[in-house]
N, C-alpha and C. Protein backbone atom coordinates (compact mmCIF):
# COMPACT_ATOMS: atom_id res chain seq x y z
N MET A 1 -25.86 18.13 66.67
CA MET A 1 -27.26 18.55 66.68
C MET A 1 -27.52 19.37 65.43
N ASN A 2 -28.59 19.09 64.78
CA ASN A 2 -28.97 19.84 63.61
C ASN A 2 -29.71 21.11 64.04
N GLN A 3 -29.03 22.23 63.91
CA GLN A 3 -29.60 23.49 64.41
C GLN A 3 -30.75 23.97 63.54
N GLN A 4 -30.85 23.48 62.29
CA GLN A 4 -31.94 23.90 61.43
C GLN A 4 -33.28 23.36 61.93
N GLN A 5 -33.28 22.23 62.64
CA GLN A 5 -34.51 21.64 63.13
C GLN A 5 -34.86 22.12 64.54
N ASN A 6 -33.95 22.84 65.18
CA ASN A 6 -34.16 23.26 66.56
C ASN A 6 -35.10 24.47 66.61
N GLN A 7 -36.05 24.40 67.52
CA GLN A 7 -36.98 25.51 67.68
C GLN A 7 -36.80 26.19 69.04
N LYS A 8 -35.87 25.70 69.84
CA LYS A 8 -35.70 26.20 71.20
C LYS A 8 -34.44 27.05 71.29
N LEU A 9 -34.59 28.23 71.91
CA LEU A 9 -33.48 29.16 72.06
C LEU A 9 -33.14 29.38 73.53
N TYR A 10 -31.86 29.58 73.77
CA TYR A 10 -31.36 29.99 75.09
C TYR A 10 -31.31 31.51 75.08
N VAL A 11 -31.82 32.14 76.13
CA VAL A 11 -31.80 33.59 76.26
C VAL A 11 -31.02 33.91 77.52
N GLY A 12 -29.81 34.43 77.35
CA GLY A 12 -28.96 34.74 78.49
C GLY A 12 -28.86 36.23 78.74
N ASN A 13 -28.30 36.58 79.88
CA ASN A 13 -28.12 37.97 80.32
C ASN A 13 -29.47 38.68 80.40
N LEU A 14 -30.46 37.95 80.87
CA LEU A 14 -31.82 38.47 80.98
C LEU A 14 -31.96 39.26 82.27
N ASN A 15 -32.63 40.37 82.20
CA ASN A 15 -32.88 41.19 83.39
C ASN A 15 -33.64 40.34 84.42
N PHE A 16 -33.23 40.42 85.68
CA PHE A 16 -33.85 39.61 86.74
C PHE A 16 -35.33 39.94 86.95
N ASP A 17 -35.75 41.13 86.53
CA ASP A 17 -37.14 41.54 86.71
C ASP A 17 -38.02 41.24 85.49
N ALA A 18 -37.45 40.66 84.45
CA ALA A 18 -38.22 40.38 83.24
C ALA A 18 -39.25 39.28 83.52
N SER A 19 -40.43 39.43 82.94
CA SER A 19 -41.48 38.43 83.12
C SER A 19 -41.59 37.58 81.85
N GLU A 20 -42.27 36.44 81.97
CA GLU A 20 -42.47 35.57 80.81
C GLU A 20 -43.29 36.27 79.74
N ASP A 21 -44.26 37.07 80.14
CA ASP A 21 -45.08 37.80 79.17
C ASP A 21 -44.25 38.81 78.38
N GLN A 22 -43.32 39.49 79.05
CA GLN A 22 -42.46 40.47 78.37
C GLN A 22 -41.54 39.78 77.36
N VAL A 23 -40.99 38.63 77.75
CA VAL A 23 -40.12 37.89 76.85
C VAL A 23 -40.94 37.34 75.67
N ARG A 24 -42.14 36.85 75.96
CA ARG A 24 -43.03 36.33 74.90
C ARG A 24 -43.35 37.44 73.89
N GLU A 25 -43.61 38.64 74.38
CA GLU A 25 -43.93 39.77 73.50
C GLU A 25 -42.73 40.14 72.63
N LEU A 26 -41.52 40.13 73.22
CA LEU A 26 -40.30 40.46 72.48
C LEU A 26 -40.07 39.47 71.33
N PHE A 27 -40.18 38.18 71.61
CA PHE A 27 -39.92 37.17 70.59
C PHE A 27 -41.10 37.00 69.64
N GLY A 28 -42.29 37.42 70.06
CA GLY A 28 -43.49 37.28 69.25
C GLY A 28 -43.46 38.06 67.96
N THR A 29 -42.61 39.05 67.85
CA THR A 29 -42.51 39.83 66.61
C THR A 29 -41.83 39.03 65.50
N TYR A 30 -41.21 37.89 65.83
CA TYR A 30 -40.50 37.07 64.84
C TYR A 30 -41.22 35.76 64.54
N GLY A 31 -42.33 35.52 65.17
CA GLY A 31 -43.11 34.30 64.92
C GLY A 31 -43.86 33.91 66.18
N GLU A 32 -44.66 32.85 66.06
CA GLU A 32 -45.45 32.42 67.21
C GLU A 32 -44.55 31.77 68.27
N VAL A 33 -44.72 32.21 69.51
CA VAL A 33 -43.96 31.66 70.63
C VAL A 33 -44.80 30.58 71.28
N GLN A 34 -44.26 29.36 71.34
CA GLN A 34 -44.99 28.25 71.95
C GLN A 34 -44.80 28.21 73.46
N GLU A 35 -43.58 28.52 73.92
CA GLU A 35 -43.30 28.39 75.35
C GLU A 35 -42.18 29.34 75.76
N VAL A 36 -42.32 29.93 76.94
CA VAL A 36 -41.27 30.73 77.56
C VAL A 36 -41.06 30.18 78.95
N LYS A 37 -39.83 29.87 79.28
CA LYS A 37 -39.51 29.32 80.61
C LYS A 37 -38.34 30.10 81.19
N ILE A 38 -38.64 30.99 82.14
CA ILE A 38 -37.59 31.70 82.86
C ILE A 38 -37.14 30.80 84.00
N VAL A 39 -35.84 30.54 84.07
CA VAL A 39 -35.30 29.64 85.08
C VAL A 39 -35.18 30.40 86.39
N MET A 40 -35.79 29.81 87.43
CA MET A 40 -35.84 30.45 88.75
C MET A 40 -34.91 29.73 89.72
N ASP A 41 -34.37 30.48 90.67
CA ASP A 41 -33.57 29.90 91.73
C ASP A 41 -34.50 29.20 92.71
N ARG A 42 -34.21 27.94 93.04
CA ARG A 42 -35.15 27.19 93.87
C ARG A 42 -35.16 27.64 95.32
N PHE A 43 -34.12 28.31 95.77
CA PHE A 43 -34.07 28.74 97.17
C PHE A 43 -34.64 30.14 97.37
N SER A 44 -34.24 31.08 96.50
CA SER A 44 -34.71 32.46 96.67
C SER A 44 -36.01 32.73 95.92
N GLY A 45 -36.31 31.92 94.90
CA GLY A 45 -37.51 32.16 94.11
C GLY A 45 -37.36 33.26 93.08
N ARG A 46 -36.15 33.81 92.93
CA ARG A 46 -35.90 34.88 91.96
C ARG A 46 -35.35 34.30 90.67
N SER A 47 -35.42 35.07 89.60
CA SER A 47 -34.89 34.67 88.31
C SER A 47 -33.38 34.47 88.40
N ARG A 48 -32.87 33.51 87.64
CA ARG A 48 -31.42 33.28 87.58
C ARG A 48 -30.79 34.04 86.43
N GLY A 49 -31.59 34.78 85.66
CA GLY A 49 -31.05 35.64 84.61
C GLY A 49 -30.97 34.99 83.24
N PHE A 50 -31.64 33.85 83.07
CA PHE A 50 -31.70 33.27 81.74
C PHE A 50 -33.03 32.54 81.56
N ALA A 51 -33.34 32.26 80.29
CA ALA A 51 -34.62 31.65 79.97
C ALA A 51 -34.47 30.79 78.72
N PHE A 52 -35.51 30.02 78.45
CA PHE A 52 -35.60 29.25 77.21
C PHE A 52 -36.89 29.62 76.52
N VAL A 53 -36.80 29.81 75.21
CA VAL A 53 -37.96 30.19 74.41
C VAL A 53 -38.10 29.17 73.29
N ARG A 54 -39.30 28.57 73.16
CA ARG A 54 -39.56 27.64 72.07
C ARG A 54 -40.48 28.34 71.08
N MET A 55 -40.00 28.42 69.84
CA MET A 55 -40.76 29.06 68.77
C MET A 55 -41.54 28.01 67.98
N GLU A 56 -42.50 28.47 67.18
CA GLU A 56 -43.34 27.56 66.40
C GLU A 56 -42.53 26.81 65.34
N SER A 57 -41.58 27.49 64.72
CA SER A 57 -40.78 26.85 63.67
C SER A 57 -39.31 27.18 63.86
N ALA A 58 -38.47 26.35 63.25
CA ALA A 58 -37.03 26.58 63.30
C ALA A 58 -36.68 27.86 62.55
N ASP A 59 -37.45 28.19 61.52
CA ASP A 59 -37.20 29.39 60.74
C ASP A 59 -37.42 30.65 61.59
N SER A 60 -38.54 30.68 62.33
CA SER A 60 -38.81 31.85 63.18
C SER A 60 -37.81 31.92 64.34
N ALA A 61 -37.37 30.77 64.83
CA ALA A 61 -36.35 30.77 65.90
C ALA A 61 -35.04 31.34 65.37
N GLY A 62 -34.66 30.97 64.15
CA GLY A 62 -33.43 31.49 63.55
C GLY A 62 -33.50 32.99 63.33
N LYS A 63 -34.65 33.47 62.88
CA LYS A 63 -34.82 34.92 62.68
C LYS A 63 -34.71 35.67 64.00
N ALA A 64 -35.36 35.15 65.05
CA ALA A 64 -35.31 35.80 66.36
C ALA A 64 -33.89 35.79 66.90
N LYS A 65 -33.18 34.68 66.73
CA LYS A 65 -31.80 34.58 67.21
C LYS A 65 -30.91 35.62 66.53
N ASP A 66 -31.01 35.70 65.21
CA ASP A 66 -30.18 36.65 64.46
C ASP A 66 -30.51 38.10 64.80
N ALA A 67 -31.79 38.40 64.98
CA ALA A 67 -32.21 39.78 65.22
C ALA A 67 -31.96 40.24 66.65
N LEU A 68 -32.11 39.35 67.64
CA LEU A 68 -32.07 39.79 69.05
C LEU A 68 -30.73 39.57 69.75
N ASN A 69 -29.85 38.75 69.20
CA ASN A 69 -28.58 38.50 69.85
C ASN A 69 -27.77 39.80 69.95
N GLY A 70 -27.43 40.19 71.17
CA GLY A 70 -26.66 41.41 71.43
C GLY A 70 -27.50 42.66 71.56
N GLN A 71 -28.80 42.56 71.34
CA GLN A 71 -29.68 43.73 71.43
C GLN A 71 -30.06 44.02 72.88
N PRO A 72 -30.19 45.30 73.24
CA PRO A 72 -30.58 45.63 74.62
C PRO A 72 -32.05 45.31 74.88
N PHE A 73 -32.29 44.78 76.08
CA PHE A 73 -33.66 44.49 76.53
C PHE A 73 -33.67 44.77 78.03
N GLN A 74 -34.44 45.76 78.44
CA GLN A 74 -34.55 46.17 79.84
C GLN A 74 -33.17 46.47 80.44
N GLY A 75 -32.34 47.15 79.65
CA GLY A 75 -31.05 47.62 80.15
C GLY A 75 -29.90 46.64 80.06
N LYS A 76 -30.11 45.47 79.47
CA LYS A 76 -29.04 44.48 79.35
C LYS A 76 -29.00 43.93 77.93
N ALA A 77 -27.79 43.69 77.42
CA ALA A 77 -27.64 43.13 76.07
C ALA A 77 -27.89 41.62 76.13
N LEU A 78 -28.88 41.17 75.38
CA LEU A 78 -29.25 39.76 75.40
C LEU A 78 -28.21 38.88 74.71
N VAL A 79 -28.07 37.67 75.20
CA VAL A 79 -27.25 36.65 74.57
C VAL A 79 -28.21 35.55 74.13
N ILE A 80 -28.34 35.37 72.81
CA ILE A 80 -29.28 34.39 72.27
C ILE A 80 -28.47 33.32 71.53
N ASP A 81 -28.78 32.06 71.83
CA ASP A 81 -28.10 30.95 71.16
C ASP A 81 -29.07 29.78 71.09
N TRP A 82 -28.71 28.79 70.29
CA TRP A 82 -29.53 27.58 70.21
C TRP A 82 -29.44 26.85 71.54
N ALA A 83 -30.56 26.37 72.03
CA ALA A 83 -30.57 25.61 73.28
C ALA A 83 -29.98 24.24 73.00
N ARG A 84 -29.19 23.76 73.94
CA ARG A 84 -28.63 22.41 73.82
C ARG A 84 -29.64 21.41 74.34
N THR A 85 -29.62 20.24 73.78
CA THR A 85 -30.52 19.20 74.28
C THR A 85 -29.93 18.63 75.56
N GLU A 86 -30.81 18.13 76.43
CA GLU A 86 -30.36 17.55 77.69
C GLU A 86 -29.55 16.31 77.42
N GLN A 87 -28.51 16.11 78.22
CA GLN A 87 -27.66 14.93 78.07
C GLN A 87 -27.87 14.06 79.29
N ARG A 88 -28.70 13.05 79.16
CA ARG A 88 -29.02 12.19 80.29
C ARG A 88 -28.14 10.94 80.35
N ASP A 89 -27.24 10.79 79.38
CA ASP A 89 -26.42 9.60 79.39
C ASP A 89 -25.20 9.73 80.31
N ARG A 90 -24.89 10.93 80.79
CA ARG A 90 -23.78 11.13 81.72
C ARG A 90 -24.35 11.43 83.10
N PRO A 91 -23.67 10.98 84.15
CA PRO A 91 -24.13 11.34 85.50
C PRO A 91 -23.90 12.82 85.75
N ALA A 92 -24.74 13.40 86.57
CA ALA A 92 -24.60 14.80 86.94
C ALA A 92 -23.35 14.99 87.79
N MET A 93 -22.85 16.20 87.82
CA MET A 93 -21.67 16.47 88.64
C MET A 93 -22.01 16.28 90.10
N GLY A 94 -21.05 15.82 90.86
CA GLY A 94 -21.27 15.64 92.28
C GLY A 94 -21.71 14.25 92.65
N GLY A 95 -21.48 13.31 91.78
CA GLY A 95 -21.81 11.93 92.14
C GLY A 95 -22.86 11.36 91.24
N GLY A 96 -23.60 10.46 91.78
CA GLY A 96 -24.61 9.79 90.98
C GLY A 96 -23.98 8.65 90.22
N GLY A 97 -24.40 8.48 89.01
CA GLY A 97 -23.83 7.41 88.20
C GLY A 97 -24.40 6.07 88.58
N GLU A 98 -23.74 5.05 88.10
CA GLU A 98 -24.22 3.70 88.34
C GLU A 98 -23.86 3.22 89.73
N ARG A 99 -24.75 2.44 90.30
CA ARG A 99 -24.44 1.80 91.57
C ARG A 99 -23.84 0.44 91.26
N ARG A 100 -22.83 0.10 91.99
CA ARG A 100 -22.20 -1.19 91.77
C ARG A 100 -22.56 -2.13 92.90
N GLU A 101 -22.78 -3.35 92.54
CA GLU A 101 -23.06 -4.37 93.54
C GLU A 101 -21.77 -4.73 94.25
N ARG A 102 -21.90 -5.18 95.47
CA ARG A 102 -20.72 -5.63 96.19
C ARG A 102 -20.18 -6.89 95.52
N PRO A 103 -18.87 -7.10 95.57
CA PRO A 103 -18.32 -8.29 94.93
C PRO A 103 -18.87 -9.56 95.56
N ALA A 104 -19.03 -10.56 94.73
CA ALA A 104 -19.53 -11.83 95.21
C ALA A 104 -18.51 -12.47 96.14
N GLY A 105 -18.99 -13.36 96.94
CA GLY A 105 -18.08 -14.03 97.87
C GLY A 105 -18.41 -13.63 99.28
N GLY A 106 -17.86 -14.33 100.22
CA GLY A 106 -18.13 -14.02 101.61
C GLY A 106 -19.40 -14.67 102.09
N GLY A 107 -20.30 -15.01 101.20
CA GLY A 107 -21.50 -15.73 101.55
C GLY A 107 -22.39 -15.02 102.54
N GLY A 108 -22.23 -13.72 102.74
CA GLY A 108 -23.10 -12.99 103.65
C GLY A 108 -22.77 -13.20 105.11
N GLU A 109 -21.62 -13.77 105.40
CA GLU A 109 -21.27 -14.03 106.80
C GLU A 109 -20.87 -12.73 107.50
N PHE A 110 -21.08 -12.67 108.80
CA PHE A 110 -20.75 -11.49 109.59
C PHE A 110 -19.26 -11.49 109.90
N ARG A 111 -18.60 -10.39 109.51
CA ARG A 111 -17.19 -10.24 109.84
C ARG A 111 -17.03 -8.89 110.50
N PRO A 112 -16.78 -8.85 111.81
CA PRO A 112 -16.68 -7.57 112.52
C PRO A 112 -15.46 -6.78 112.08
N ARG A 113 -15.56 -5.46 112.26
CA ARG A 113 -14.43 -4.60 111.96
C ARG A 113 -13.29 -4.90 112.91
N ARG A 114 -12.10 -4.71 112.43
CA ARG A 114 -10.94 -4.90 113.27
C ARG A 114 -10.90 -3.80 114.32
N GLU A 115 -10.63 -4.16 115.55
CA GLU A 115 -10.54 -3.16 116.62
C GLU A 115 -9.21 -2.44 116.51
N TRP A 116 -9.26 -1.13 116.59
CA TRP A 116 -8.06 -0.32 116.49
C TRP A 116 -7.36 -0.28 117.84
N GLY A 117 -6.09 -0.11 117.78
CA GLY A 117 -5.32 0.03 119.01
C GLY A 117 -4.64 -1.26 119.40
N GLY A 118 -5.09 -2.38 118.86
CA GLY A 118 -4.45 -3.67 119.07
C GLY A 118 -4.19 -3.99 120.53
N GLY A 119 -3.77 -5.20 120.83
CA GLY A 119 -3.34 -5.63 122.16
C GLY A 119 -4.34 -5.35 123.26
N GLY A 120 -4.13 -5.92 124.39
CA GLY A 120 -4.98 -5.68 125.54
C GLY A 120 -4.22 -4.88 126.57
N GLY A 121 -3.84 -3.68 126.26
CA GLY A 121 -2.95 -2.88 127.09
C GLY A 121 -3.56 -2.37 128.37
N GLY A 122 -4.70 -2.82 128.81
CA GLY A 122 -5.27 -2.39 130.07
C GLY A 122 -5.99 -1.06 129.96
N GLY A 123 -6.49 -0.54 131.05
CA GLY A 123 -7.20 0.73 131.07
C GLY A 123 -8.65 0.57 130.64
N GLU A 124 -9.35 1.71 130.54
CA GLU A 124 -10.77 1.67 130.21
C GLU A 124 -11.04 1.21 128.78
N ARG A 125 -10.10 1.42 127.90
CA ARG A 125 -10.31 1.07 126.50
C ARG A 125 -10.35 -0.43 126.26
N SER A 126 -9.85 -1.22 127.19
CA SER A 126 -9.79 -2.66 126.95
C SER A 126 -10.98 -3.39 127.57
N GLU A 127 -12.04 -2.65 127.85
CA GLU A 127 -13.23 -3.30 128.39
C GLU A 127 -13.83 -4.25 127.37
N ARG A 128 -14.65 -5.11 127.88
CA ARG A 128 -15.29 -6.09 127.01
C ARG A 128 -16.20 -5.36 126.02
N ARG A 129 -16.15 -5.74 124.77
CA ARG A 129 -16.97 -5.14 123.73
C ARG A 129 -17.90 -6.19 123.15
N GLU A 130 -19.15 -5.79 122.90
CA GLU A 130 -20.12 -6.72 122.33
C GLU A 130 -20.69 -6.09 121.06
N PRO A 131 -21.07 -6.91 120.11
CA PRO A 131 -21.62 -6.36 118.88
C PRO A 131 -22.95 -5.64 119.13
N ARG A 132 -23.17 -4.59 118.36
CA ARG A 132 -24.45 -3.88 118.42
C ARG A 132 -25.52 -4.73 117.77
N GLY A 133 -26.66 -4.77 118.37
CA GLY A 133 -27.75 -5.52 117.77
C GLY A 133 -28.65 -4.66 116.93
N ASP A 134 -28.63 -3.33 117.14
CA ASP A 134 -29.58 -2.46 116.47
C ASP A 134 -29.24 -2.20 115.00
N ARG A 135 -27.95 -2.19 114.63
CA ARG A 135 -27.60 -1.88 113.26
C ARG A 135 -26.77 -2.97 112.59
N GLY A 136 -26.53 -4.04 113.28
CA GLY A 136 -25.86 -5.16 112.66
C GLY A 136 -24.37 -4.99 112.44
N GLY A 137 -23.75 -4.01 113.01
CA GLY A 137 -22.31 -3.84 112.83
C GLY A 137 -21.76 -2.92 113.90
N GLY A 138 -20.48 -2.92 114.04
CA GLY A 138 -19.84 -2.03 115.00
C GLY A 138 -19.92 -2.60 116.43
N TYR A 139 -19.33 -1.89 117.36
CA TYR A 139 -19.27 -2.34 118.74
C TYR A 139 -19.58 -1.17 119.67
N TYR A 140 -19.95 -1.49 120.87
CA TYR A 140 -20.08 -0.45 121.88
C TYR A 140 -19.55 -1.01 123.19
N ASN A 141 -19.07 -0.08 124.04
CA ASN A 141 -18.54 -0.49 125.34
C ASN A 141 -19.68 -0.88 126.24
N ARG A 142 -19.42 -1.86 127.05
CA ARG A 142 -20.44 -2.31 127.97
C ARG A 142 -19.98 -2.08 129.37
């Protein structure tokens, strides 16, 4: 990523009570601020302690980064760095990714699951079983 063309900054270690207006005012001394986005927790609705700031130019973003990185703001030392671009070519953690089609073959014919326990050893478990009609698979005792 060419950091000289980047206008977006990551602002870490942000006080949980900081507002977008306060962050805009802080960065506004280094150039025009186009956007401030404080990242909120979706469940609690509170700040997660970091934000993204988009400046008018890469030059003003660089000046703000150099001047504010490590400086105290509302009792906490800020961590300022270039924002990374989103990477949409990789699946997110926890699954996702491409869906694969089932292998060809079988012609769509119904093949019931093998019954566990084998043999007809008597008792209640060996009752007659019929296929379920509601979901197209599995068995239930009758």
